[in-house]
Amino acid sequence: MKNFFFIIACSLVCNIALANSTVKLGISEDDLLKIINANKVSEMQGHQHGYSDFTEANPVVYIDTSSPDKKLEYYFYEGKLYKIYTIYLDQSDTLQLYKTKFSELSTRMGKPKNQYNSEYFSMIIQHNVWEKGNEELDLRYGAGYVYEVLVDKPAQLKKNKQLEWVNAI
């Protein structure tokens, strides 16, 4: 009987994804719109470049700005959600917010698998990366903001390889 409960407990813990419980990576655009109220970037009035990840080439992005404290961006590839970009909008004390988020994530998931800095438009961005199964969560701090970027690793790898082939021609 102990073995049965142990197996059940392990299966529950081992299948906890990094994603939030409302929106899961891999869902379709239609399924996303059934769950949340978001606008497709190309359909937003007055926004030439309404998404935050400038490294994306012609992405399909939906934006949810219904929360006053964060902006959520949903990136699709081949009709499936492969990236969720969360930007925390409160800039009153971004360093403290970053420390709090880092502490929460470290308590929940342990030490980050990778930590590094990158430079983006001459600004230093700190990265802390956790992995769980096919998902990667990157807590970022820089440019006056705190970001969380959740990615489906196989979909991102496939997309990057496809872009390499396009650019190689």
N, C-alpha and C. Protein backbone atom coordinates (compact mmCIF):
# COMPACT_ATOMS: atom_id res chain seq x y z
N MET A 1 0.83 -1.19 0.00
CA MET A 1 0.00 0.00 0.00
C MET A 1 0.88 1.26 0.00
N LYS A 2 1.98 1.24 0.77
CA LYS A 2 2.89 2.38 0.78
C LYS A 2 3.45 2.64 -0.61
N ASN A 3 3.78 1.57 -1.32
CA ASN A 3 4.32 1.73 -2.67
C ASN A 3 3.31 2.41 -3.59
N PHE A 4 2.03 2.06 -3.46
CA PHE A 4 1.00 2.66 -4.28
C PHE A 4 0.94 4.18 -4.07
N PHE A 5 0.92 4.62 -2.80
CA PHE A 5 0.88 6.05 -2.51
C PHE A 5 2.14 6.76 -2.95
N PHE A 6 3.27 6.08 -2.82
CA PHE A 6 4.54 6.66 -3.27
C PHE A 6 4.52 6.88 -4.78
N ILE A 7 4.03 5.90 -5.52
CA ILE A 7 3.96 6.01 -6.98
C ILE A 7 3.02 7.14 -7.39
N ILE A 8 1.87 7.24 -6.72
CA ILE A 8 0.91 8.31 -7.02
C ILE A 8 1.54 9.67 -6.71
N ALA A 9 2.18 9.81 -5.57
CA ALA A 9 2.81 11.08 -5.19
C ALA A 9 3.89 11.46 -6.20
N CYS A 10 4.71 10.51 -6.59
CA CYS A 10 5.77 10.78 -7.57
C CYS A 10 5.19 11.22 -8.91
N SER A 11 4.13 10.56 -9.35
CA SER A 11 3.56 10.92 -10.64
C SER A 11 2.99 12.34 -10.61
N LEU A 12 2.43 12.74 -9.50
CA LEU A 12 1.90 14.10 -9.39
C LEU A 12 3.02 15.12 -9.38
N VAL A 13 4.06 14.88 -8.61
CA VAL A 13 5.18 15.82 -8.51
C VAL A 13 5.95 15.87 -9.82
N CYS A 14 6.20 14.72 -10.44
CA CYS A 14 7.01 14.66 -11.64
C CYS A 14 6.32 15.29 -12.84
N ASN A 15 5.02 15.41 -12.83
CA ASN A 15 4.31 15.97 -13.96
C ASN A 15 3.93 17.43 -13.78
N ILE A 16 4.41 18.07 -12.74
CA ILE A 16 4.12 19.49 -12.55
C ILE A 16 4.92 20.27 -13.58
N ALA A 17 4.23 20.97 -14.45
CA ALA A 17 4.89 21.75 -15.50
C ALA A 17 5.26 23.12 -14.95
N LEU A 18 6.14 23.79 -15.64
CA LEU A 18 6.52 25.14 -15.26
C LEU A 18 5.42 26.14 -15.60
N ALA A 19 4.57 25.77 -16.55
CA ALA A 19 3.52 26.68 -16.99
C ALA A 19 2.47 26.88 -15.91
N ASN A 20 1.75 28.00 -16.01
CA ASN A 20 0.67 28.22 -15.06
C ASN A 20 -0.48 27.28 -15.38
N SER A 21 -1.42 27.17 -14.47
CA SER A 21 -2.49 26.18 -14.63
C SER A 21 -3.55 26.61 -15.65
N THR A 22 -3.61 27.87 -16.00
CA THR A 22 -4.65 28.35 -16.91
C THR A 22 -4.31 28.08 -18.37
N VAL A 23 -3.09 28.40 -18.77
CA VAL A 23 -2.68 28.28 -20.16
C VAL A 23 -1.50 27.32 -20.24
N LYS A 24 -1.62 26.32 -21.09
CA LYS A 24 -0.57 25.31 -21.26
C LYS A 24 0.11 25.48 -22.62
N LEU A 25 1.41 25.29 -22.64
CA LEU A 25 2.13 25.28 -23.91
C LEU A 25 1.56 24.18 -24.79
N GLY A 26 1.55 24.43 -26.10
CA GLY A 26 1.07 23.44 -27.04
C GLY A 26 -0.37 23.61 -27.48
N ILE A 27 -1.13 24.51 -26.82
CA ILE A 27 -2.53 24.69 -27.21
C ILE A 27 -2.61 25.52 -28.50
N SER A 28 -3.75 25.45 -29.15
CA SER A 28 -3.97 26.20 -30.40
C SER A 28 -4.38 27.64 -30.09
N GLU A 29 -4.38 28.46 -31.14
CA GLU A 29 -4.82 29.86 -30.99
C GLU A 29 -6.28 29.90 -30.55
N ASP A 30 -7.11 29.07 -31.16
CA ASP A 30 -8.54 29.03 -30.80
C ASP A 30 -8.73 28.65 -29.34
N ASP A 31 -7.97 27.66 -28.87
CA ASP A 31 -8.09 27.24 -27.47
C ASP A 31 -7.64 28.34 -26.53
N LEU A 32 -6.58 29.09 -26.90
CA LEU A 32 -6.14 30.20 -26.07
C LEU A 32 -7.24 31.23 -25.93
N LEU A 33 -7.88 31.56 -27.04
CA LEU A 33 -8.91 32.60 -27.03
C LEU A 33 -10.17 32.16 -26.29
N LYS A 34 -10.35 30.87 -26.08
CA LYS A 34 -11.46 30.38 -25.26
C LYS A 34 -11.17 30.58 -23.77
N ILE A 35 -9.89 30.65 -23.42
CA ILE A 35 -9.47 30.74 -22.02
C ILE A 35 -9.27 32.18 -21.58
N ILE A 36 -8.66 32.99 -22.45
CA ILE A 36 -8.34 34.37 -22.07
C ILE A 36 -8.81 35.35 -23.13
N ASN A 37 -8.85 36.62 -22.76
CA ASN A 37 -9.19 37.68 -23.69
C ASN A 37 -7.88 38.32 -24.15
N ALA A 38 -7.48 37.98 -25.38
CA ALA A 38 -6.22 38.49 -25.92
C ALA A 38 -6.45 39.02 -27.33
N ASN A 39 -5.58 39.92 -27.75
CA ASN A 39 -5.64 40.48 -29.09
C ASN A 39 -4.41 40.07 -29.88
N LYS A 40 -4.63 39.71 -31.13
CA LYS A 40 -3.52 39.37 -32.00
C LYS A 40 -2.77 40.66 -32.32
N VAL A 41 -1.45 40.63 -32.24
CA VAL A 41 -0.65 41.84 -32.43
C VAL A 41 -0.95 42.50 -33.77
N SER A 42 -1.05 41.73 -34.84
CA SER A 42 -1.30 42.31 -36.15
C SER A 42 -2.66 42.99 -36.25
N GLU A 43 -3.56 42.67 -35.33
CA GLU A 43 -4.90 43.24 -35.35
C GLU A 43 -5.06 44.40 -34.37
N MET A 44 -4.00 44.73 -33.65
CA MET A 44 -4.07 45.82 -32.66
C MET A 44 -3.85 47.15 -33.36
N GLN A 45 -4.73 48.10 -33.12
CA GLN A 45 -4.62 49.42 -33.73
C GLN A 45 -3.46 50.21 -33.12
N GLY A 46 -2.68 50.85 -33.99
CA GLY A 46 -1.64 51.76 -33.53
C GLY A 46 -0.38 51.06 -33.03
N HIS A 47 -0.25 49.76 -33.19
CA HIS A 47 0.94 49.06 -32.72
C HIS A 47 1.71 48.51 -33.92
N GLN A 48 2.84 49.10 -34.20
CA GLN A 48 3.67 48.60 -35.28
C GLN A 48 4.44 47.36 -34.84
N HIS A 49 4.85 47.35 -33.59
CA HIS A 49 5.67 46.25 -33.06
C HIS A 49 5.22 46.02 -31.63
N GLY A 50 4.03 45.45 -31.46
CA GLY A 50 3.40 45.37 -30.15
C GLY A 50 3.89 44.27 -29.24
N TYR A 51 4.87 43.47 -29.67
CA TYR A 51 5.38 42.40 -28.81
C TYR A 51 6.79 42.75 -28.33
N SER A 52 7.25 42.06 -27.30
CA SER A 52 8.49 42.42 -26.63
C SER A 52 9.72 41.67 -27.10
N ASP A 53 9.56 40.47 -27.64
CA ASP A 53 10.73 39.69 -28.04
C ASP A 53 11.12 40.05 -29.47
N PHE A 54 12.03 41.03 -29.59
CA PHE A 54 12.44 41.52 -30.89
C PHE A 54 13.29 40.52 -31.67
N THR A 55 13.69 39.42 -31.03
CA THR A 55 14.47 38.41 -31.74
C THR A 55 13.58 37.51 -32.59
N GLU A 56 12.28 37.61 -32.41
CA GLU A 56 11.34 36.81 -33.18
C GLU A 56 11.21 37.34 -34.60
N ALA A 57 11.20 36.43 -35.57
CA ALA A 57 11.00 36.80 -36.97
C ALA A 57 9.56 36.51 -37.36
N ASN A 58 8.79 37.55 -37.64
CA ASN A 58 7.39 37.44 -38.06
C ASN A 58 6.57 36.47 -37.19
N PRO A 59 6.54 36.71 -35.92
CA PRO A 59 5.80 35.77 -35.05
C PRO A 59 4.29 36.00 -35.09
N VAL A 60 3.57 34.97 -34.69
CA VAL A 60 2.14 35.09 -34.43
C VAL A 60 2.03 35.28 -32.92
N VAL A 61 1.60 36.47 -32.50
CA VAL A 61 1.61 36.82 -31.08
C VAL A 61 0.25 37.37 -30.67
N TYR A 62 -0.21 36.91 -29.51
CA TYR A 62 -1.41 37.45 -28.88
C TYR A 62 -0.99 38.12 -27.59
N ILE A 63 -1.62 39.25 -27.28
CA ILE A 63 -1.29 40.04 -26.10
C ILE A 63 -2.49 40.10 -25.17
N ASP A 64 -2.23 39.86 -23.89
CA ASP A 64 -3.25 40.00 -22.85
C ASP A 64 -2.78 41.09 -21.89
N THR A 65 -3.46 42.22 -21.89
CA THR A 65 -3.12 43.33 -21.00
C THR A 65 -4.21 43.57 -19.96
N SER A 66 -4.98 42.52 -19.66
CA SER A 66 -6.10 42.68 -18.73
C SER A 66 -5.64 42.85 -17.28
N SER A 67 -4.43 42.47 -16.97
CA SER A 67 -3.91 42.61 -15.61
C SER A 67 -3.12 43.91 -15.50
N PRO A 68 -3.38 44.71 -14.46
CA PRO A 68 -2.65 45.98 -14.33
C PRO A 68 -1.18 45.81 -13.94
N ASP A 69 -0.81 44.63 -13.43
CA ASP A 69 0.57 44.46 -12.96
C ASP A 69 1.47 43.67 -13.92
N LYS A 70 0.88 43.12 -14.99
CA LYS A 70 1.72 42.39 -15.94
C LYS A 70 1.09 42.35 -17.32
N LYS A 71 1.96 42.17 -18.30
CA LYS A 71 1.54 42.01 -19.69
C LYS A 71 1.95 40.60 -20.09
N LEU A 72 1.01 39.87 -20.69
CA LEU A 72 1.29 38.50 -21.13
C LEU A 72 1.28 38.45 -22.64
N GLU A 73 2.32 37.85 -23.20
CA GLU A 73 2.43 37.69 -24.64
C GLU A 73 2.50 36.19 -24.95
N TYR A 74 1.71 35.76 -25.91
CA TYR A 74 1.63 34.34 -26.27
C TYR A 74 2.12 34.18 -27.70
N TYR A 75 3.20 33.43 -27.88
CA TYR A 75 3.84 33.24 -29.18
C TYR A 75 3.51 31.85 -29.73
N PHE A 76 3.12 31.83 -31.00
CA PHE A 76 2.72 30.58 -31.65
C PHE A 76 3.68 30.22 -32.77
N TYR A 77 3.87 28.92 -32.93
CA TYR A 77 4.65 28.38 -34.03
C TYR A 77 3.92 27.14 -34.54
N GLU A 78 3.70 27.10 -35.83
CA GLU A 78 2.95 26.02 -36.47
C GLU A 78 1.59 25.80 -35.79
N GLY A 79 0.95 26.90 -35.41
CA GLY A 79 -0.38 26.84 -34.83
C GLY A 79 -0.46 26.44 -33.37
N LYS A 80 0.69 26.26 -32.72
CA LYS A 80 0.72 25.82 -31.32
C LYS A 80 1.48 26.85 -30.47
N LEU A 81 0.99 27.07 -29.27
CA LEU A 81 1.64 27.96 -28.33
C LEU A 81 2.97 27.36 -27.90
N TYR A 82 4.05 28.09 -28.17
CA TYR A 82 5.36 27.57 -27.77
C TYR A 82 6.12 28.50 -26.82
N LYS A 83 5.61 29.72 -26.62
CA LYS A 83 6.31 30.63 -25.70
C LYS A 83 5.30 31.55 -25.02
N ILE A 84 5.48 31.72 -23.71
CA ILE A 84 4.69 32.69 -22.95
C ILE A 84 5.68 33.68 -22.34
N TYR A 85 5.48 34.93 -22.66
CA TYR A 85 6.39 36.00 -22.25
C TYR A 85 5.62 36.87 -21.26
N THR A 86 6.04 36.89 -20.01
CA THR A 86 5.38 37.69 -18.97
C THR A 86 6.26 38.86 -18.60
N ILE A 87 5.74 40.07 -18.72
CA ILE A 87 6.48 41.28 -18.36
C ILE A 87 5.78 41.89 -17.16
N TYR A 88 6.50 42.01 -16.06
CA TYR A 88 5.94 42.63 -14.86
C TYR A 88 6.08 44.14 -15.00
N LEU A 89 4.96 44.84 -14.89
CA LEU A 89 4.90 46.27 -15.22
C LEU A 89 5.27 47.20 -14.07
N ASP A 90 5.22 46.74 -12.84
CA ASP A 90 5.54 47.59 -11.69
C ASP A 90 7.04 47.87 -11.67
N GLN A 91 7.39 49.12 -11.90
CA GLN A 91 8.80 49.50 -11.92
C GLN A 91 9.21 50.26 -10.67
N SER A 92 8.39 50.23 -9.63
CA SER A 92 8.71 50.99 -8.42
C SER A 92 9.95 50.44 -7.71
N ASP A 93 10.14 49.12 -7.73
CA ASP A 93 11.33 48.51 -7.12
C ASP A 93 11.61 47.19 -7.85
N THR A 94 12.12 47.30 -9.06
CA THR A 94 12.33 46.11 -9.88
C THR A 94 13.36 45.16 -9.28
N LEU A 95 14.36 45.68 -8.60
CA LEU A 95 15.36 44.80 -8.00
C LEU A 95 14.72 43.93 -6.93
N GLN A 96 13.87 44.51 -6.09
CA GLN A 96 13.19 43.71 -5.06
C GLN A 96 12.23 42.71 -5.67
N LEU A 97 11.50 43.12 -6.72
CA LEU A 97 10.60 42.20 -7.41
C LEU A 97 11.39 41.03 -7.99
N TYR A 98 12.52 41.32 -8.60
CA TYR A 98 13.37 40.28 -9.16
C TYR A 98 13.85 39.32 -8.07
N LYS A 99 14.31 39.86 -6.96
CA LYS A 99 14.78 39.01 -5.86
C LYS A 99 13.65 38.14 -5.32
N THR A 100 12.47 38.70 -5.21
CA THR A 100 11.30 37.94 -4.73
C THR A 100 10.95 36.82 -5.70
N LYS A 101 10.89 37.13 -6.99
CA LYS A 101 10.58 36.10 -8.00
C LYS A 101 11.65 35.02 -8.01
N PHE A 102 12.92 35.42 -7.92
CA PHE A 102 14.01 34.45 -7.92
C PHE A 102 13.88 33.52 -6.71
N SER A 103 13.60 34.08 -5.56
CA SER A 103 13.45 33.29 -4.34
C SER A 103 12.28 32.31 -4.46
N GLU A 104 11.14 32.80 -4.97
CA GLU A 104 9.96 31.94 -5.15
C GLU A 104 10.26 30.77 -6.08
N LEU A 105 10.90 31.07 -7.21
CA LEU A 105 11.20 30.02 -8.18
C LEU A 105 12.26 29.05 -7.64
N SER A 106 13.24 29.56 -6.94
CA SER A 106 14.28 28.69 -6.37
C SER A 106 13.70 27.78 -5.30
N THR A 107 12.78 28.30 -4.50
CA THR A 107 12.13 27.48 -3.48
C THR A 107 11.30 26.37 -4.13
N ARG A 108 10.61 26.71 -5.20
CA ARG A 108 9.74 25.76 -5.89
C ARG A 108 10.50 24.76 -6.75
N MET A 109 11.60 25.22 -7.41
CA MET A 109 12.26 24.37 -8.40
C MET A 109 13.74 24.12 -8.15
N GLY A 110 14.28 24.66 -7.05
CA GLY A 110 15.69 24.45 -6.77
C GLY A 110 16.57 25.47 -7.48
N LYS A 111 17.84 25.18 -7.50
CA LYS A 111 18.82 26.07 -8.11
C LYS A 111 18.62 26.10 -9.63
N PRO A 112 18.76 27.28 -10.27
CA PRO A 112 18.62 27.34 -11.72
C PRO A 112 19.65 26.45 -12.41
N LYS A 113 19.27 25.88 -13.54
CA LYS A 113 20.19 25.03 -14.30
C LYS A 113 21.29 25.87 -14.94
N ASN A 114 20.94 27.11 -15.28
CA ASN A 114 21.90 27.98 -15.95
C ASN A 114 21.66 29.42 -15.51
N GLN A 115 22.74 30.16 -15.34
CA GLN A 115 22.68 31.59 -15.02
C GLN A 115 23.71 32.30 -15.88
N TYR A 116 23.28 33.38 -16.55
CA TYR A 116 24.21 34.12 -17.40
C TYR A 116 23.67 35.52 -17.66
N ASN A 117 24.50 36.36 -18.25
CA ASN A 117 24.10 37.70 -18.66
C ASN A 117 24.17 37.78 -20.18
N SER A 118 23.27 38.56 -20.75
CA SER A 118 23.32 38.85 -22.18
C SER A 118 23.23 40.36 -22.35
N GLU A 119 23.58 40.80 -23.52
CA GLU A 119 23.48 42.23 -23.82
C GLU A 119 22.45 42.42 -24.92
N TYR A 120 21.54 43.33 -24.71
CA TYR A 120 20.45 43.57 -25.63
C TYR A 120 20.28 45.07 -25.80
N PHE A 121 20.52 45.59 -26.98
CA PHE A 121 20.50 47.03 -27.21
C PHE A 121 21.35 47.77 -26.18
N SER A 122 22.56 47.27 -25.93
CA SER A 122 23.53 47.84 -24.99
C SER A 122 23.07 47.79 -23.53
N MET A 123 22.08 46.97 -23.22
CA MET A 123 21.63 46.80 -21.83
C MET A 123 21.93 45.38 -21.39
N ILE A 124 22.40 45.25 -20.17
CA ILE A 124 22.71 43.94 -19.62
C ILE A 124 21.42 43.31 -19.07
N ILE A 125 21.17 42.06 -19.47
CA ILE A 125 20.01 41.30 -19.01
C ILE A 125 20.53 40.08 -18.25
N GLN A 126 20.08 39.91 -17.01
CA GLN A 126 20.43 38.73 -16.22
C GLN A 126 19.41 37.63 -16.50
N HIS A 127 19.92 36.41 -16.68
CA HIS A 127 19.07 35.25 -16.96
C HIS A 127 19.27 34.19 -15.89
N ASN A 128 18.17 33.59 -15.46
CA ASN A 128 18.18 32.44 -14.57
C ASN A 128 17.24 31.43 -15.19
N VAL A 129 17.78 30.26 -15.54
CA VAL A 129 17.02 29.30 -16.34
C VAL A 129 16.78 28.01 -15.56
N TRP A 130 15.51 27.62 -15.47
CA TRP A 130 15.11 26.34 -14.88
C TRP A 130 14.53 25.49 -16.00
N GLU A 131 14.70 24.18 -15.90
CA GLU A 131 14.14 23.27 -16.89
C GLU A 131 13.35 22.18 -16.20
N LYS A 132 12.28 21.77 -16.85
CA LYS A 132 11.45 20.66 -16.37
C LYS A 132 10.87 19.99 -17.60
N GLY A 133 11.31 18.78 -17.89
CA GLY A 133 10.82 18.09 -19.07
C GLY A 133 11.13 18.87 -20.33
N ASN A 134 10.10 19.15 -21.13
CA ASN A 134 10.27 19.89 -22.38
C ASN A 134 10.13 21.40 -22.21
N GLU A 135 10.01 21.86 -20.97
CA GLU A 135 9.81 23.29 -20.73
C GLU A 135 11.05 23.93 -20.11
N GLU A 136 11.23 25.19 -20.47
CA GLU A 136 12.32 25.99 -19.91
C GLU A 136 11.73 27.31 -19.45
N LEU A 137 12.07 27.72 -18.23
CA LEU A 137 11.61 28.99 -17.68
C LEU A 137 12.83 29.86 -17.43
N ASP A 138 12.83 31.03 -18.03
CA ASP A 138 13.94 31.98 -17.93
C ASP A 138 13.44 33.22 -17.21
N LEU A 139 13.91 33.42 -15.98
CA LEU A 139 13.60 34.65 -15.23
C LEU A 139 14.67 35.66 -15.62
N ARG A 140 14.22 36.79 -16.14
CA ARG A 140 15.15 37.82 -16.63
C ARG A 140 14.97 39.12 -15.86
N TYR A 141 16.09 39.81 -15.72
CA TYR A 141 16.07 41.12 -15.06
C TYR A 141 16.99 42.05 -15.83
N GLY A 142 16.43 43.16 -16.28
CA GLY A 142 17.23 44.16 -16.99
C GLY A 142 16.33 45.10 -17.75
N ALA A 143 16.92 46.17 -18.23
CA ALA A 143 16.20 47.20 -19.00
C ALA A 143 15.03 47.77 -18.20
N GLY A 144 15.14 47.73 -16.87
CA GLY A 144 14.10 48.30 -16.03
C GLY A 144 12.91 47.41 -15.78
N TYR A 145 12.98 46.15 -16.19
CA TYR A 145 11.85 45.24 -16.04
C TYR A 145 12.29 43.88 -15.51
N VAL A 146 11.29 43.15 -15.02
CA VAL A 146 11.44 41.74 -14.66
C VAL A 146 10.56 40.97 -15.64
N TYR A 147 11.13 39.92 -16.25
CA TYR A 147 10.42 39.11 -17.25
C TYR A 147 10.48 37.65 -16.85
N GLU A 148 9.49 36.89 -17.25
CA GLU A 148 9.54 35.44 -17.20
C GLU A 148 9.22 34.95 -18.61
N VAL A 149 10.07 34.10 -19.13
CA VAL A 149 9.87 33.57 -20.47
C VAL A 149 9.80 32.05 -20.37
N LEU A 150 8.64 31.50 -20.66
CA LEU A 150 8.42 30.06 -20.63
C LEU A 150 8.38 29.56 -22.06
N VAL A 151 9.18 28.51 -22.35
CA VAL A 151 9.31 28.03 -23.72
C VAL A 151 9.18 26.52 -23.78
N ASP A 152 8.55 26.06 -24.85
CA ASP A 152 8.54 24.65 -25.20
C ASP A 152 9.84 24.41 -25.96
N LYS A 153 10.81 23.72 -25.33
CA LYS A 153 12.14 23.57 -25.91
C LYS A 153 12.15 22.88 -27.28
N PRO A 154 11.44 21.75 -27.47
CA PRO A 154 11.47 21.12 -28.80
C PRO A 154 10.89 22.02 -29.90
N ALA A 155 9.82 22.75 -29.61
CA ALA A 155 9.23 23.65 -30.60
C ALA A 155 10.18 24.80 -30.93
N GLN A 156 10.84 25.33 -29.91
CA GLN A 156 11.78 26.41 -30.14
C GLN A 156 12.98 25.93 -30.97
N LEU A 157 13.47 24.75 -30.67
CA LEU A 157 14.58 24.18 -31.43
C LEU A 157 14.18 23.99 -32.89
N LYS A 158 12.99 23.45 -33.11
CA LYS A 158 12.50 23.23 -34.48
C LYS A 158 12.36 24.56 -35.22
N LYS A 159 11.83 25.57 -34.54
CA LYS A 159 11.66 26.89 -35.15
C LYS A 159 13.01 27.49 -35.50
N ASN A 160 13.97 27.40 -34.57
CA ASN A 160 15.30 27.96 -34.81
C ASN A 160 15.99 27.26 -35.99
N LYS A 161 15.85 25.93 -36.08
CA LYS A 161 16.45 25.19 -37.20
C LYS A 161 15.82 25.60 -38.52
N GLN A 162 14.51 25.80 -38.51
CA GLN A 162 13.83 26.23 -39.73
C GLN A 162 14.33 27.61 -40.16
N LEU A 163 14.51 28.53 -39.20
CA LEU A 163 15.02 29.87 -39.52
C LEU A 163 16.45 29.80 -40.06
N GLU A 164 17.26 28.89 -39.51
CA GLU A 164 18.63 28.73 -40.01
C GLU A 164 18.61 28.30 -41.47
N TRP A 165 17.72 27.39 -41.84
CA TRP A 165 17.61 26.94 -43.23
C TRP A 165 17.16 28.08 -44.13
N VAL A 166 16.21 28.86 -43.68
CA VAL A 166 15.72 29.99 -44.48
C VAL A 166 16.83 31.00 -44.70
N ASN A 167 17.58 31.30 -43.63
CA ASN A 167 18.66 32.29 -43.73
C ASN A 167 19.88 31.76 -44.48
N ALA A 168 20.01 30.45 -44.61
CA ALA A 168 21.16 29.86 -45.28
C ALA A 168 21.02 29.93 -46.80
N ILE A 169 19.81 30.11 -47.25
CA ILE A 169 19.57 30.10 -48.71
C ILE A 169 19.93 31.43 -49.34
